[in-house]
Amino acid sequence: EAEAIQRLAEARAQSIQTIARAIGTKVSNIFQYIESYH
């Protein structure tokens, strides 16, 4: 059971990392978009 919990925690950490990376990419795209208008 502890192994299943560990696996679940690892999967959650990976998805949080993926989401954080996607958000970071989107934010930097927005900044580039804003700067191209100045």
N, C-alpha and C. Protein backbone atom coordinates (compact mmCIF):
# COMPACT_ATOMS: atom_id res chain seq x y z
N GLU A 1 0.83 -1.20 0.00
CA GLU A 1 0.00 0.00 0.00
C GLU A 1 0.87 1.26 0.00
N ALA A 2 1.94 1.23 0.77
CA ALA A 2 2.83 2.39 0.80
C ALA A 2 3.42 2.65 -0.59
N GLU A 3 3.67 1.55 -1.32
CA GLU A 3 4.23 1.70 -2.67
C GLU A 3 3.23 2.37 -3.60
N ALA A 4 1.96 2.02 -3.45
CA ALA A 4 0.93 2.63 -4.29
C ALA A 4 0.81 4.12 -3.99
N ILE A 5 0.88 4.47 -2.71
CA ILE A 5 0.81 5.89 -2.32
C ILE A 5 2.01 6.64 -2.88
N GLN A 6 3.19 6.01 -2.80
CA GLN A 6 4.41 6.64 -3.34
C GLN A 6 4.26 6.87 -4.84
N ARG A 7 3.73 5.88 -5.54
CA ARG A 7 3.57 6.00 -6.99
C ARG A 7 2.58 7.12 -7.32
N LEU A 8 1.53 7.21 -6.53
CA LEU A 8 0.52 8.26 -6.73
C LEU A 8 1.16 9.63 -6.50
N ALA A 9 1.96 9.74 -5.44
CA ALA A 9 2.62 11.00 -5.13
C ALA A 9 3.58 11.40 -6.24
N GLU A 10 4.30 10.43 -6.81
CA GLU A 10 5.23 10.73 -7.90
C GLU A 10 4.48 11.19 -9.14
N ALA A 11 3.37 10.53 -9.44
CA ALA A 11 2.58 10.92 -10.60
C ALA A 11 2.03 12.33 -10.43
N ARG A 12 1.59 12.64 -9.21
CA ARG A 12 1.06 13.98 -8.94
C ARG A 12 2.16 15.02 -9.08
N ALA A 13 3.35 14.73 -8.55
CA ALA A 13 4.47 15.67 -8.65
C ALA A 13 4.82 15.91 -10.12
N GLN A 14 4.79 14.84 -10.93
CA GLN A 14 5.10 15.00 -12.35
C GLN A 14 4.07 15.86 -13.04
N SER A 15 2.79 15.64 -12.74
CA SER A 15 1.75 16.43 -13.41
C SER A 15 1.81 17.89 -12.97
N ILE A 16 2.16 18.13 -11.70
CA ILE A 16 2.31 19.51 -11.23
C ILE A 16 3.46 20.18 -11.97
N GLN A 17 4.56 19.44 -12.17
CA GLN A 17 5.71 19.97 -12.90
C GLN A 17 5.31 20.29 -14.33
N THR A 18 4.56 19.40 -14.96
CA THR A 18 4.13 19.62 -16.34
C THR A 18 3.24 20.85 -16.45
N ILE A 19 2.30 20.98 -15.49
CA ILE A 19 1.41 22.13 -15.48
C ILE A 19 2.21 23.41 -15.26
N ALA A 20 3.14 23.37 -14.31
CA ALA A 20 3.95 24.56 -14.02
C ALA A 20 4.76 24.97 -15.25
N ARG A 21 5.29 23.98 -15.98
CA ARG A 21 6.06 24.29 -17.18
C ARG A 21 5.16 24.90 -18.25
N ALA A 22 3.96 24.36 -18.39
CA ALA A 22 3.01 24.89 -19.38
C ALA A 22 2.63 26.33 -19.04
N ILE A 23 2.40 26.59 -17.75
CA ILE A 23 2.06 27.96 -17.32
C ILE A 23 3.24 28.89 -17.59
N GLY A 24 4.44 28.45 -17.27
CA GLY A 24 5.62 29.27 -17.50
C GLY A 24 5.79 29.60 -18.97
N THR A 25 5.55 28.63 -19.84
CA THR A 25 5.64 28.86 -21.28
C THR A 25 4.61 29.87 -21.72
N LYS A 26 3.38 29.72 -21.22
CA LYS A 26 2.30 30.62 -21.60
C LYS A 26 2.61 32.05 -21.14
N VAL A 27 3.12 32.18 -19.90
CA VAL A 27 3.44 33.51 -19.37
C VAL A 27 4.54 34.16 -20.21
N SER A 28 5.58 33.42 -20.55
CA SER A 28 6.65 34.02 -21.34
C SER A 28 6.16 34.36 -22.75
N ASN A 29 5.25 33.56 -23.30
CA ASN A 29 4.66 33.89 -24.60
C ASN A 29 3.88 35.19 -24.52
N ILE A 30 3.13 35.37 -23.43
CA ILE A 30 2.35 36.60 -23.25
C ILE A 30 3.29 37.80 -23.16
N PHE A 31 4.40 37.67 -22.42
CA PHE A 31 5.34 38.78 -22.31
C PHE A 31 5.96 39.11 -23.66
N GLN A 32 6.30 38.08 -24.44
CA GLN A 32 6.86 38.33 -25.78
C GLN A 32 5.83 39.04 -26.65
N TYR A 33 4.59 38.63 -26.54
CA TYR A 33 3.50 39.22 -27.30
C TYR A 33 3.35 40.70 -26.95
N ILE A 34 3.38 41.00 -25.63
CA ILE A 34 3.26 42.39 -25.17
C ILE A 34 4.44 43.22 -25.67
N GLU A 35 5.65 42.67 -25.56
CA GLU A 35 6.83 43.41 -25.96
C GLU A 35 6.85 43.67 -27.46
N SER A 36 6.31 42.79 -28.25
CA SER A 36 6.31 42.99 -29.70
C SER A 36 5.36 44.12 -30.09
N TYR A 37 4.48 44.52 -29.17
CA TYR A 37 3.56 45.61 -29.45
C TYR A 37 4.13 46.97 -29.06
N HIS A 38 5.27 46.99 -28.32
CA HIS A 38 5.84 48.27 -27.89
C HIS A 38 6.84 48.79 -28.90
